[in-house]
C-alpha cells in the first residue's frame, strides 16, 4: 500500500479505529508529496482529515521536517513568522488602529545588531492587516529569494521573505482553504518553517492549545539549537498582548517549559512623538506596551530571565523613542 493511502486510512477510519500519524508517517508522506509523487487531491484529503481530528505535534513536526530538508541555510539570529495578520479596526476618521507593531519590535532588535528574518504570506482574500503592507515605513525590504534575503541581512540586519519565495508549495497548500472551505494543518506548519535556521524565535497563535503545540513541534523536530517562545498573540499574530495574563511555552535544548506571565501593561510608559507606522496619538501607549512586550518575549528565549528581558526591552524601546 502506498504511504498516502496508508495515512488516509490511518486518520480516516471510524471513531474507534482512527489514530494520528506518527512522526515518520507524516515526514514520509510530505516528503513524497514535495517530490511530486503524490497528487494534490490525495494530499488535500489527508490535510482535511487531520484538521478535523486536530493535528498533533508529531504530525506537524514530520511535515515541517520534510520542508526543512529542502530549505537552503541562512545565518540568522531571530525567526519572526507573520502569517495571521491582525483584525482590522478603524477609528471614526478611518485611521487604521490595528497596525503590525511587532514589525517595530523586530526593527528595534535589528538596530541592536540582531539579524532578523521575518517571513509571511499575504492572504489576498482576507480583510486583515498584514505586515507586508507596512514594511516600507520601517525600511524593511522584501527579499526576492533566499540569496537576496542573505544579502539584505548582511547589509541591514533585517529582511522580509514571502512564503512564495522559499516554499511555494506551502503557499499553494494554504490556498486550498479557498477551494475546500477549511484551513489545513499547513497553517500551523508555516509558522515553524524557520527558513533562516535562527537561534531564537517567536510563535504567535490564537486558539487554546496551539501555544503548547507550537513549542512541542520544535521539540519533536529536534531543534535543540533553536530557542522559541510560543504565546497567544494579538489576533493570532506574533505580537504579544501585555494586557492579558497567560502561560507562554518555550522550547530549547533542555526541552519544553511553561511560564506564567502576569499582565504587564504600563500606562506611564514613554512613547515617541511620532510613529513610523502612523499610530494615532490615542493608541501610542498601547503601541509602546505591545512593542516592549514583543521584544521582551523574544529576548526571554535568549536570556531565560523575565526581569532581565523586560529591562533590556524597555532600554531598547527608550533608545528608539529618542529617534522619533
C-alpha atoms as a PDB file:
ATOM      1  CA  UNK A   1       0.000   0.000   0.000  1.00  0.00           C
ATOM      2  CA  UNK A   2       1.291   3.498  -0.848  1.00  0.00           C
ATOM      3  CA  UNK A   3       2.163   5.846   2.017  1.00  0.00           C
ATOM      4  CA  UNK A   4      -0.605   8.300   1.095  1.00  0.00           C
ATOM      5  CA  UNK A   5      -3.302   5.601   1.213  1.00  0.00           C
ATOM      6  CA  UNK A   6      -1.840   4.260   4.446  1.00  0.00           C
ATOM      7  CA  UNK A   7      -2.014   7.729   6.005  1.00  0.00           C
ATOM      8  CA  UNK A   8      -5.542   8.470   4.757  1.00  0.00           C
ATOM      9  CA  UNK A   9      -6.764   5.164   6.192  1.00  0.00           C
ATOM     10  CA  UNK A  10      -4.918   5.791   9.447  1.00  0.00           C
ATOM     11  CA  UNK A  11      -6.653   9.116  10.186  1.00  0.00           C
ATOM     12  CA  UNK A  12      -9.890   8.472   8.284  1.00  0.00           C
ATOM     13  CA  UNK A  13     -11.162   5.248   9.842  1.00  0.00           C
ATOM     14  CA  UNK A  14     -14.133   5.121  12.174  1.00  0.00           C
ATOM     15  CA  UNK A  15     -14.026   6.657  15.616  1.00  0.00           C
ATOM     16  CA  UNK A  16     -12.526   3.570  17.270  1.00  0.00           C
ATOM     17  CA  UNK A  17     -10.092   2.712  14.504  1.00  0.00           C
ATOM     18  CA  UNK A  18      -8.556   6.024  13.532  1.00  0.00           C
ATOM     19  CA  UNK A  19      -5.376   7.406  15.042  1.00  0.00           C
ATOM     20  CA  UNK A  20      -2.990  10.276  14.316  1.00  0.00           C
ATOM     21  CA  UNK A  21       0.021   9.844  12.073  1.00  0.00           C
ATOM     22  CA  UNK A  22       3.387   9.096  13.593  1.00  0.00           C
ATOM     23  CA  UNK A  23       6.279  11.499  13.010  1.00  0.00           C
ATOM     24  CA  UNK A  24       7.766   9.089  10.461  1.00  0.00           C
ATOM     25  CA  UNK A  25       4.486   8.702   8.568  1.00  0.00           C
ATOM     26  CA  UNK A  26       3.978  12.469   8.444  1.00  0.00           C
ATOM     27  CA  UNK A  27       7.534  13.082   7.276  1.00  0.00           C
ATOM     28  CA  UNK A  28       7.415  10.383   4.599  1.00  0.00           C
ATOM     29  CA  UNK A  29       4.065  11.393   3.120  1.00  0.00           C
ATOM     30  CA  UNK A  30       5.034  15.082   2.961  1.00  0.00           C
ATOM     31  CA  UNK A  31       8.464  14.213   1.586  1.00  0.00           C
ATOM     32  CA  UNK A  32       6.871  12.225  -1.239  1.00  0.00           C
ATOM     33  CA  UNK A  33       4.319  14.960  -1.906  1.00  0.00           C
ATOM     34  CA  UNK A  34       7.047  17.600  -2.188  1.00  0.00           C
ATOM     35  CA  UNK A  35       8.866  15.291  -4.605  1.00  0.00           C
ATOM     36  CA  UNK A  36       5.767  15.157  -6.809  1.00  0.00           C
ATOM     37  CA  UNK A  37       4.945  11.516  -6.075  1.00  0.00           C
ATOM     38  CA  UNK A  38       1.514  12.278  -4.567  1.00  0.00           C
ATOM     39  CA  UNK A  39      -1.371  14.132  -6.226  1.00  0.00           C
ATOM     40  CA  UNK A  40      -2.878  17.324  -4.827  1.00  0.00           C
ATOM     41  CA  UNK A  41      -6.328  15.789  -4.331  1.00  0.00           C
ATOM     42  CA  UNK A  42      -4.970  12.949  -2.190  1.00  0.00           C
ATOM     43  CA  UNK A  43      -2.845  15.294  -0.096  1.00  0.00           C
ATOM     44  CA  UNK A  44      -5.711  17.746   0.327  1.00  0.00           C
ATOM     45  CA  UNK A  45      -7.951  14.935   1.584  1.00  0.00           C
ATOM     46  CA  UNK A  46      -5.323  13.901   4.115  1.00  0.00           C
ATOM     47  CA  UNK A  47      -4.889  17.502   5.307  1.00  0.00           C
ATOM     48  CA  UNK A  48      -8.633  17.975   5.816  1.00  0.00           C
ATOM     49  CA  UNK A  49      -8.973  14.733   7.771  1.00  0.00           C
ATOM     50  CA  UNK A  50      -6.087  15.691  10.034  1.00  0.00           C
ATOM     51  CA  UNK A  51      -7.566  19.146  10.587  1.00  0.00           C
ATOM     52  CA  UNK A  52     -10.927  17.706  11.631  1.00  0.00           C
ATOM     53  CA  UNK A  53      -9.192  15.333  14.060  1.00  0.00           C
ATOM     54  CA  UNK A  54      -6.945  18.159  15.383  1.00  0.00           C
ATOM     55  CA  UNK A  55      -3.323  17.925  14.316  1.00  0.00           C
ATOM     56  CA  UNK A  56      -0.726  16.601  16.742  1.00  0.00           C
ATOM     57  CA  UNK A  57       2.780  17.880  17.408  1.00  0.00           C
ATOM     58  CA  UNK A  58       4.260  14.728  15.858  1.00  0.00           C
ATOM     59  CA  UNK A  59       2.265  15.203  12.650  1.00  0.00           C
ATOM     60  CA  UNK A  60       3.203  18.867  12.237  1.00  0.00           C
ATOM     61  CA  UNK A  61       6.815  18.166  13.148  1.00  0.00           C
ATOM     62  CA  UNK A  62       7.023  15.466  10.480  1.00  0.00           C
ATOM     63  CA  UNK A  63       5.532  17.748   7.832  1.00  0.00           C
ATOM     64  CA  UNK A  64       7.811  20.612   8.849  1.00  0.00           C
ATOM     65  CA  UNK A  65      10.909  18.416   8.774  1.00  0.00           C
ATOM     66  CA  UNK A  66      10.173  17.493   5.150  1.00  0.00           C
ATOM     67  CA  UNK A  67      10.094  21.169   4.191  1.00  0.00           C
ATOM     68  CA  UNK A  68      13.244  21.894   6.205  1.00  0.00           C
ATOM     69  CA  UNK A  69      15.269  19.417   4.206  1.00  0.00           C
ATOM     70  CA  UNK A  70      14.630  21.485   1.089  1.00  0.00           C
ATOM     71  CA  UNK A  71      15.481  24.900   2.520  1.00  0.00           C
ATOM     72  CA  UNK A  72      18.948  26.406   1.998  1.00  0.00           C
ATOM     73  CA  UNK A  73      20.671  27.563   5.158  1.00  0.00           C
ATOM     74  CA  UNK A  74      20.913  31.240   6.108  1.00  0.00           C
ATOM     75  CA  UNK A  75      22.724  32.568   9.163  1.00  0.00           C
ATOM     76  CA  UNK A  76      20.011  34.327  11.168  1.00  0.00           C
ATOM     77  CA  UNK A  77      19.624  35.230  14.835  1.00  0.00           C
ATOM     78  CA  UNK A  78      15.861  35.733  15.041  1.00  0.00           C
ATOM     79  CA  UNK A  79      12.966  33.987  13.278  1.00  0.00           C
ATOM     80  CA  UNK A  80       9.785  36.089  13.191  1.00  0.00           C
ATOM     81  CA  UNK A  81       6.839  34.442  11.360  1.00  0.00           C
ATOM     82  CA  UNK A  82       3.944  36.769  10.459  1.00  0.00           C
ATOM     83  CA  UNK A  83       1.077  34.804   8.917  1.00  0.00           C
ATOM     84  CA  UNK A  84      -2.148  35.563  10.791  1.00  0.00           C
ATOM     85  CA  UNK A  85      -2.438  39.305  10.275  1.00  0.00           C
ATOM     86  CA  UNK A  86      -4.397  41.464  12.733  1.00  0.00           C
ATOM     87  CA  UNK A  87      -8.134  42.088  12.666  1.00  0.00           C
ATOM     88  CA  UNK A  88      -8.787  45.448  11.059  1.00  0.00           C
ATOM     89  CA  UNK A  89     -10.027  48.210  13.355  1.00  0.00           C
ATOM     90  CA  UNK A  90     -10.547  51.829  12.322  1.00  0.00           C
ATOM     91  CA  UNK A  91     -11.403  54.960  14.295  1.00  0.00           C
ATOM     92  CA  UNK A  92     -14.234  57.325  13.331  1.00  0.00           C
ATOM     93  CA  UNK A  93     -11.889  59.147  10.963  1.00  0.00           C
ATOM     94  CA  UNK A  94     -10.954  55.996   9.091  1.00  0.00           C
ATOM     95  CA  UNK A  95      -7.474  55.700  10.608  1.00  0.00           C
ATOM     96  CA  UNK A  96      -6.243  52.125  10.906  1.00  0.00           C
ATOM     97  CA  UNK A  97      -5.738  51.298  14.592  1.00  0.00           C
ATOM     98  CA  UNK A  98      -4.778  47.647  14.189  1.00  0.00           C
ATOM     99  CA  UNK A  99      -1.210  48.133  12.987  1.00  0.00           C
ATOM    100  CA  UNK A 100       1.573  45.494  12.934  1.00  0.00           C
ATOM    101  CA  UNK A 101       3.516  46.836  15.904  1.00  0.00           C
ATOM    102  CA  UNK A 102       5.546  43.634  16.028  1.00  0.00           C
ATOM    103  CA  UNK A 103       7.418  44.990  12.988  1.00  0.00           C
ATOM    104  CA  UNK A 104       8.673  47.852  15.146  1.00  0.00           C
ATOM    105  CA  UNK A 105       9.890  45.317  17.713  1.00  0.00           C
ATOM    106  CA  UNK A 106      11.724  43.355  15.013  1.00  0.00           C
ATOM    107  CA  UNK A 107      13.226  46.556  13.595  1.00  0.00           C
ATOM    108  CA  UNK A 108      14.487  47.661  17.015  1.00  0.00           C
ATOM    109  CA  UNK A 109      16.228  44.320  17.524  1.00  0.00           C
ATOM    110  CA  UNK A 110      17.815  44.616  14.076  1.00  0.00           C
ATOM    111  CA  UNK A 111      19.130  48.068  15.005  1.00  0.00           C
ATOM    112  CA  UNK A 112      20.683  46.449  18.072  1.00  0.00           C
ATOM    113  CA  UNK A 113      22.682  44.104  15.827  1.00  0.00           C
ATOM    114  CA  UNK A 114      20.491  41.003  15.670  1.00  0.00           C
ATOM    115  CA  UNK A 115      19.870  39.519  12.229  1.00  0.00           C
ATOM    116  CA  UNK A 116      16.082  39.247  11.950  1.00  0.00           C
ATOM    117  CA  UNK A 117      14.266  37.290   9.238  1.00  0.00           C
ATOM    118  CA  UNK A 118      10.539  37.980   9.004  1.00  0.00           C
ATOM    119  CA  UNK A 119       8.536  35.626   6.813  1.00  0.00           C
ATOM    120  CA  UNK A 120       4.857  35.515   5.978  1.00  0.00           C
ATOM    121  CA  UNK A 121       2.065  35.187   3.464  1.00  0.00           C
ATOM    122  CA  UNK A 122      -0.323  37.834   2.203  1.00  0.00           C
ATOM    123  CA  UNK A 123      -3.817  36.360   2.048  1.00  0.00           C
ATOM    124  CA  UNK A 124      -5.380  38.423  -0.729  1.00  0.00           C
ATOM    125  CA  UNK A 125      -8.874  37.289   0.205  1.00  0.00           C
ATOM    126  CA  UNK A 126      -8.589  38.474   3.793  1.00  0.00           C
ATOM    127  CA  UNK A 127      -9.556  41.847   5.280  1.00  0.00           C
ATOM    128  CA  UNK A 128      -6.887  41.515   7.960  1.00  0.00           C
ATOM    129  CA  UNK A 129      -3.977  43.918   8.321  1.00  0.00           C
ATOM    130  CA  UNK A 130      -0.848  42.110   7.175  1.00  0.00           C
ATOM    131  CA  UNK A 131       2.756  43.017   7.905  1.00  0.00           C
ATOM    132  CA  UNK A 132       3.662  43.036   4.229  1.00  0.00           C
ATOM    133  CA  UNK A 133       1.727  46.304   3.766  1.00  0.00           C
ATOM    134  CA  UNK A 134       3.779  48.157   6.398  1.00  0.00           C
ATOM    135  CA  UNK A 135       7.380  47.224   5.643  1.00  0.00           C
ATOM    136  CA  UNK A 136       8.390  50.367   3.759  1.00  0.00           C
ATOM    137  CA  UNK A 137       7.929  52.911   6.612  1.00  0.00           C
ATOM    138  CA  UNK A 138      10.437  50.884   8.659  1.00  0.00           C
ATOM    139  CA  UNK A 139      12.850  50.447   5.729  1.00  0.00           C
ATOM    140  CA  UNK A 140      12.379  46.683   5.754  1.00  0.00           C
ATOM    141  CA  UNK A 141      12.982  45.346   2.259  1.00  0.00           C
ATOM    142  CA  UNK A 142      11.233  42.361   0.709  1.00  0.00           C
ATOM    143  CA  UNK A 143      13.638  39.663  -0.451  1.00  0.00           C
ATOM    144  CA  UNK A 144      13.251  38.308  -3.973  1.00  0.00           C
ATOM    145  CA  UNK A 145      14.691  34.936  -2.972  1.00  0.00           C
ATOM    146  CA  UNK A 146      16.935  33.264  -0.395  1.00  0.00           C
ATOM    147  CA  UNK A 147      20.106  34.775  -1.872  1.00  0.00           C
ATOM    148  CA  UNK A 148      18.641  38.280  -1.782  1.00  0.00           C
ATOM    149  CA  UNK A 149      17.493  37.718   1.804  1.00  0.00           C
ATOM    150  CA  UNK A 150      21.055  36.776   2.743  1.00  0.00           C
ATOM    151  CA  UNK A 151      22.356  39.971   1.150  1.00  0.00           C
ATOM    152  CA  UNK A 152      19.767  42.153   2.918  1.00  0.00           C
ATOM    153  CA  UNK A 153      20.561  40.567   6.273  1.00  0.00           C
ATOM    154  CA  UNK A 154      24.237  41.306   5.786  1.00  0.00           C
ATOM    155  CA  UNK A 155      23.621  44.939   4.849  1.00  0.00           C
ATOM    156  CA  UNK A 156      20.733  45.914   7.142  1.00  0.00           C
ATOM    157  CA  UNK A 157      20.243  43.037   9.631  1.00  0.00           C
ATOM    158  CA  UNK A 158      16.589  42.582   8.649  1.00  0.00           C
ATOM    159  CA  UNK A 159      14.545  41.278   5.718  1.00  0.00           C
ATOM    160  CA  UNK A 160      11.038  40.127   4.855  1.00  0.00           C
ATOM    161  CA  UNK A 161      10.887  36.844   2.938  1.00  0.00           C
ATOM    162  CA  UNK A 162       7.481  35.946   1.436  1.00  0.00           C
ATOM    163  CA  UNK A 163       6.467  32.301   1.753  1.00  0.00           C
ATOM    164  CA  UNK A 164       6.118  32.117  -2.034  1.00  0.00           C
ATOM    165  CA  UNK A 165       9.837  32.898  -2.392  1.00  0.00           C
ATOM    166  CA  UNK A 166      11.118  29.997  -0.305  1.00  0.00           C
ATOM    167  CA  UNK A 167       8.288  27.431  -0.055  1.00  0.00           C
ATOM    168  CA  UNK A 168       5.843  27.979  -2.953  1.00  0.00           C
ATOM    169  CA  UNK A 169       4.218  24.577  -2.460  1.00  0.00           C
ATOM    170  CA  UNK A 170       3.282  25.570   1.089  1.00  0.00           C
ATOM    171  CA  UNK A 171       1.664  28.711  -0.302  1.00  0.00           C
ATOM    172  CA  UNK A 172      -0.362  26.577  -2.722  1.00  0.00           C
ATOM    173  CA  UNK A 173      -1.492  24.378   0.162  1.00  0.00           C
ATOM    174  CA  UNK A 174      -2.594  27.410   2.180  1.00  0.00           C
ATOM    175  CA  UNK A 175      -4.787  28.430  -0.730  1.00  0.00           C
ATOM    176  CA  UNK A 176      -6.652  25.110  -0.515  1.00  0.00           C
ATOM    177  CA  UNK A 177      -8.825  26.881   2.047  1.00  0.00           C
ATOM    178  CA  UNK A 178     -10.395  28.867  -0.811  1.00  0.00           C
ATOM    179  CA  UNK A 179     -11.229  25.650  -2.659  1.00  0.00           C
ATOM    180  CA  UNK A 180     -12.359  23.428   0.215  1.00  0.00           C
ATOM    181  CA  UNK A 181     -13.542  25.976   2.774  1.00  0.00           C
ATOM    182  CA  UNK A 182     -11.316  24.723   5.598  1.00  0.00           C
ATOM    183  CA  UNK A 183      -7.886  25.645   6.807  1.00  0.00           C
ATOM    184  CA  UNK A 184      -5.337  22.856   6.727  1.00  0.00           C
ATOM    185  CA  UNK A 185      -2.521  21.913   9.125  1.00  0.00           C
ATOM    186  CA  UNK A 186      -0.195  23.822   6.796  1.00  0.00           C
ATOM    187  CA  UNK A 187      -1.301  26.978   8.621  1.00  0.00           C
ATOM    188  CA  UNK A 188       0.488  25.534  11.631  1.00  0.00           C
ATOM    189  CA  UNK A 189       3.445  24.224   9.630  1.00  0.00           C
ATOM    190  CA  UNK A 190       4.423  27.540   8.022  1.00  0.00           C
ATOM    191  CA  UNK A 191       4.871  29.265  11.379  1.00  0.00           C
ATOM    192  CA  UNK A 192       7.602  26.783  12.264  1.00  0.00           C
ATOM    193  CA  UNK A 193       9.469  26.650   8.958  1.00  0.00           C
ATOM    194  CA  UNK A 194      12.262  28.895  10.300  1.00  0.00           C
ATOM    195  CA  UNK A 195      13.847  29.369   6.847  1.00  0.00           C
ATOM    196  CA  UNK A 196      16.864  31.099   8.366  1.00  0.00           C
ATOM    197  CA  UNK A 197      17.645  28.331  10.888  1.00  0.00           C
ATOM    198  CA  UNK A 198      17.552  31.046  13.535  1.00  0.00           C
ATOM    199  CA  UNK A 199      18.804  30.641  17.093  1.00  0.00           C
ATOM    200  CA  UNK A 200      15.767  32.384  18.600  1.00  0.00           C
ATOM    201  CA  UNK A 201      12.167  32.810  17.534  1.00  0.00           C
ATOM    202  CA  UNK A 202       8.563  33.565  18.432  1.00  0.00           C
ATOM    203  CA  UNK A 203       5.345  31.745  17.570  1.00  0.00           C
ATOM    204  CA  UNK A 204       2.029  33.547  17.850  1.00  0.00           C
ATOM    205  CA  UNK A 205      -1.300  31.698  17.699  1.00  0.00           C
ATOM    206  CA  UNK A 206      -4.887  32.254  18.761  1.00  0.00           C
ATOM    207  CA  UNK A 207      -6.786  29.068  19.598  1.00  0.00           C
ATOM    208  CA  UNK A 208      -6.322  27.401  23.008  1.00  0.00           C
ATOM    209  CA  UNK A 209      -3.793  24.589  22.986  1.00  0.00           C
ATOM    210  CA  UNK A 210      -1.844  25.851  19.992  1.00  0.00           C
ATOM    211  CA  UNK A 211       0.606  27.751  22.195  1.00  0.00           C
ATOM    212  CA  UNK A 212       1.830  24.496  23.730  1.00  0.00           C
ATOM    213  CA  UNK A 213       1.533  22.717  20.376  1.00  0.00           C
ATOM    214  CA  UNK A 214       3.951  25.075  18.613  1.00  0.00           C
ATOM    215  CA  UNK A 215       6.551  24.569  21.326  1.00  0.00           C
ATOM    216  CA  UNK A 216       6.038  20.790  21.248  1.00  0.00           C
ATOM    217  CA  UNK A 217       6.593  20.824  17.489  1.00  0.00           C
ATOM    218  CA  UNK A 218      10.073  22.277  17.938  1.00  0.00           C
ATOM    219  CA  UNK A 219      10.886  19.583  20.492  1.00  0.00           C
ATOM    220  CA  UNK A 220       9.592  16.841  18.178  1.00  0.00           C
ATOM    221  CA  UNK A 221      11.647  18.118  15.256  1.00  0.00           C
ATOM    222  CA  UNK A 222      14.756  18.130  17.416  1.00  0.00           C
ATOM    223  CA  UNK A 223      15.614  21.812  17.081  1.00  0.00           C
ATOM    224  CA  UNK A 224      17.954  21.771  20.071  1.00  0.00           C
ATOM    225  CA  UNK A 225      19.920  24.713  18.653  1.00  0.00           C
ATOM    226  CA  UNK A 226      16.812  26.926  18.448  1.00  0.00           C
ATOM    227  CA  UNK A 227      15.034  28.509  21.404  1.00  0.00           C
ATOM    228  CA  UNK A 228      11.467  29.690  20.763  1.00  0.00           C
ATOM    229  CA  UNK A 229       8.651  31.250  22.766  1.00  0.00           C
ATOM    230  CA  UNK A 230       5.054  30.408  21.869  1.00  0.00           C
ATOM    231  CA  UNK A 231       2.152  32.530  23.098  1.00  0.00           C
ATOM    232  CA  UNK A 232      -1.381  33.703  22.367  1.00  0.00           C
ATOM    233  CA  UNK A 233      -0.739  36.619  20.043  1.00  0.00           C
ATOM    234  CA  UNK A 234      -2.900  39.572  19.097  1.00  0.00           C
ATOM    235  CA  UNK A 235      -5.399  38.147  16.569  1.00  0.00           C
ATOM    236  CA  UNK A 236      -3.148  35.088  16.468  1.00  0.00           C
ATOM    237  CA  UNK A 237      -0.218  37.130  15.148  1.00  0.00           C
ATOM    238  CA  UNK A 238       3.317  37.053  16.559  1.00  0.00           C
ATOM    239  CA  UNK A 239       2.709  40.191  18.616  1.00  0.00           C
ATOM    240  CA  UNK A 240       2.474  39.888  22.395  1.00  0.00           C
ATOM    241  CA  UNK A 241      -0.506  41.393  24.226  1.00  0.00           C
ATOM    242  CA  UNK A 242       0.704  42.686  27.620  1.00  0.00           C
ATOM    243  CA  UNK A 243      -2.845  43.400  28.806  1.00  0.00           C
ATOM    244  CA  UNK A 244      -3.551  39.729  29.451  1.00  0.00           C
ATOM    245  CA  UNK A 245      -2.047  37.162  31.785  1.00  0.00           C
ATOM    246  CA  UNK A 246      -1.131  33.930  30.047  1.00  0.00           C
ATOM    247  CA  UNK A 247       1.095  30.877  30.011  1.00  0.00           C
ATOM    248  CA  UNK A 248       3.826  31.058  27.417  1.00  0.00           C
ATOM    249  CA  UNK A 249       5.613  27.946  26.257  1.00  0.00           C
ATOM    250  CA  UNK A 250       9.277  27.703  25.381  1.00  0.00           C
ATOM    251  CA  UNK A 251      11.282  25.013  23.647  1.00  0.00           C
ATOM    252  CA  UNK A 252      15.065  24.810  23.751  1.00  0.00           C
ATOM    253  CA  UNK A 253      17.943  22.360  24.172  1.00  0.00           C
ATOM    254  CA  UNK A 254      16.615  21.420  27.620  1.00  0.00           C
ATOM    255  CA  UNK A 255      13.124  20.573  26.392  1.00  0.00           C
ATOM    256  CA  UNK A 256       9.652  22.037  26.820  1.00  0.00           C
ATOM    257  CA  UNK A 257       8.840  24.595  29.527  1.00  0.00           C
ATOM    258  CA  UNK A 258       5.815  26.619  30.620  1.00  0.00           C
ATOM    259  CA  UNK A 259       5.973  30.079  32.201  1.00  0.00           C
ATOM    260  CA  UNK A 260       3.075  32.050  33.634  1.00  0.00           C
ATOM    261  CA  UNK A 261       3.323  35.734  32.787  1.00  0.00           C
ATOM    262  CA  UNK A 262       1.054  38.211  34.527  1.00  0.00           C
ATOM    263  CA  UNK A 263      -0.369  41.280  32.836  1.00  0.00           C
ATOM    264  CA  UNK A 264       2.414  43.842  32.368  1.00  0.00           C
ATOM    265  CA  UNK A 265       0.690  46.888  30.899  1.00  0.00           C
ATOM    266  CA  UNK A 266       2.300  50.203  31.866  1.00  0.00           C
ATOM    267  CA  UNK A 267       0.096  53.287  31.495  1.00  0.00           C
ATOM    268  CA  UNK A 268       3.096  55.557  32.190  1.00  0.00           C
ATOM    269  CA  UNK A 269       5.341  54.098  29.509  1.00  0.00           C
ATOM    270  CA  UNK A 270       7.338  56.526  27.388  1.00  0.00           C
ATOM    271  CA  UNK A 271       6.139  56.915  23.804  1.00  0.00           C
ATOM    272  CA  UNK A 272       7.644  58.591  20.731  1.00  0.00           C
ATOM    273  CA  UNK A 273       6.403  61.903  19.353  1.00  0.00           C
ATOM    274  CA  UNK A 274       5.820  60.179  16.033  1.00  0.00           C
ATOM    275  CA  UNK A 275       5.307  56.573  14.990  1.00  0.00           C
ATOM    276  CA  UNK A 276       6.752  55.419  11.656  1.00  0.00           C
ATOM    277  CA  UNK A 277       3.633  53.297  11.086  1.00  0.00           C
ATOM    278  CA  UNK A 278       1.303  56.230  11.695  1.00  0.00           C
ATOM    279  CA  UNK A 279      -0.142  55.156  15.049  1.00  0.00           C
ATOM    280  CA  UNK A 280      -2.638  57.778  16.218  1.00  0.00           C
ATOM    281  CA  UNK A 281      -1.977  59.669  19.449  1.00  0.00           C
ATOM    282  CA  UNK A 282      -4.702  57.837  21.387  1.00  0.00           C
ATOM    283  CA  UNK A 283      -3.045  54.473  20.682  1.00  0.00           C
ATOM    284  CA  UNK A 284       0.596  55.329  21.355  1.00  0.00           C
ATOM    285  CA  UNK A 285       0.645  53.956  24.904  1.00  0.00           C
ATOM    286  CA  UNK A 286      -0.892  50.706  23.693  1.00  0.00           C
ATOM    287  CA  UNK A 287       1.625  50.549  20.844  1.00  0.00           C
ATOM    288  CA  UNK A 288       4.533  51.133  23.232  1.00  0.00           C
ATOM    289  CA  UNK A 289       3.369  48.348  25.538  1.00  0.00           C
ATOM    290  CA  UNK A 290       2.915  45.887  22.676  1.00  0.00           C
ATOM    291  CA  UNK A 291       6.347  46.651  21.224  1.00  0.00           C
ATOM    292  CA  UNK A 292       8.145  46.356  24.563  1.00  0.00           C
ATOM    293  CA  UNK A 293       6.326  43.117  25.424  1.00  0.00           C
ATOM    294  CA  UNK A 294       7.076  41.629  21.987  1.00  0.00           C
ATOM    295  CA  UNK A 295      10.769  42.463  22.369  1.00  0.00           C
ATOM    296  CA  UNK A 296      10.780  41.061  25.903  1.00  0.00           C
ATOM    297  CA  UNK A 297       9.249  37.705  24.969  1.00  0.00           C
ATOM    298  CA  UNK A 298      11.819  37.305  22.187  1.00  0.00           C
ATOM    299  CA  UNK A 299      14.712  38.223  24.477  1.00  0.00           C
ATOM    300  CA  UNK A 300      13.394  35.725  27.028  1.00  0.00           C
ATOM    301  CA  UNK A 301      14.306  32.922  24.608  1.00  0.00           C
ATOM    302  CA  UNK A 302      17.918  34.047  24.921  1.00  0.00           C
ATOM    303  CA  UNK A 303      18.250  35.429  28.454  1.00  0.00           C
ATOM    304  CA  UNK A 304      15.934  32.903  30.215  1.00  0.00           C
ATOM    305  CA  UNK A 305      15.144  35.577  32.797  1.00  0.00           C
ATOM    306  CA  UNK A 306      11.941  37.616  32.591  1.00  0.00           C
ATOM    307  CA  UNK A 307      13.138  40.548  34.665  1.00  0.00           C
ATOM    308  CA  UNK A 308      16.304  40.942  32.601  1.00  0.00           C
ATOM    309  CA  UNK A 309      14.300  40.570  29.390  1.00  0.00           C
ATOM    310  CA  UNK A 310      11.824  43.255  30.481  1.00  0.00           C
ATOM    311  CA  UNK A 311      14.619  45.629  31.470  1.00  0.00           C
ATOM    312  CA  UNK A 312      16.519  45.177  28.212  1.00  0.00           C
ATOM    313  CA  UNK A 313      13.336  45.535  26.155  1.00  0.00           C
ATOM    314  CA  UNK A 314      12.490  48.802  27.902  1.00  0.00           C
ATOM    315  CA  UNK A 315      16.036  50.098  27.395  1.00  0.00           C
ATOM    316  CA  UNK A 316      15.849  49.380  23.675  1.00  0.00           C
ATOM    317  CA  UNK A 317      12.412  50.994  23.462  1.00  0.00           C
ATOM    318  CA  UNK A 318      13.572  54.147  25.251  1.00  0.00           C
ATOM    319  CA  UNK A 319      16.525  54.318  22.881  1.00  0.00           C
ATOM    320  CA  UNK A 320      14.146  54.009  19.913  1.00  0.00           C
ATOM    321  CA  UNK A 321      11.927  56.823  21.207  1.00  0.00           C
ATOM    322  CA  UNK A 322      14.832  59.300  21.152  1.00  0.00           C
ATOM    323  CA  UNK A 323      14.942  58.906  17.349  1.00  0.00           C
ATOM    324  CA  UNK A 324      11.267  59.776  16.913  1.00  0.00           C
END
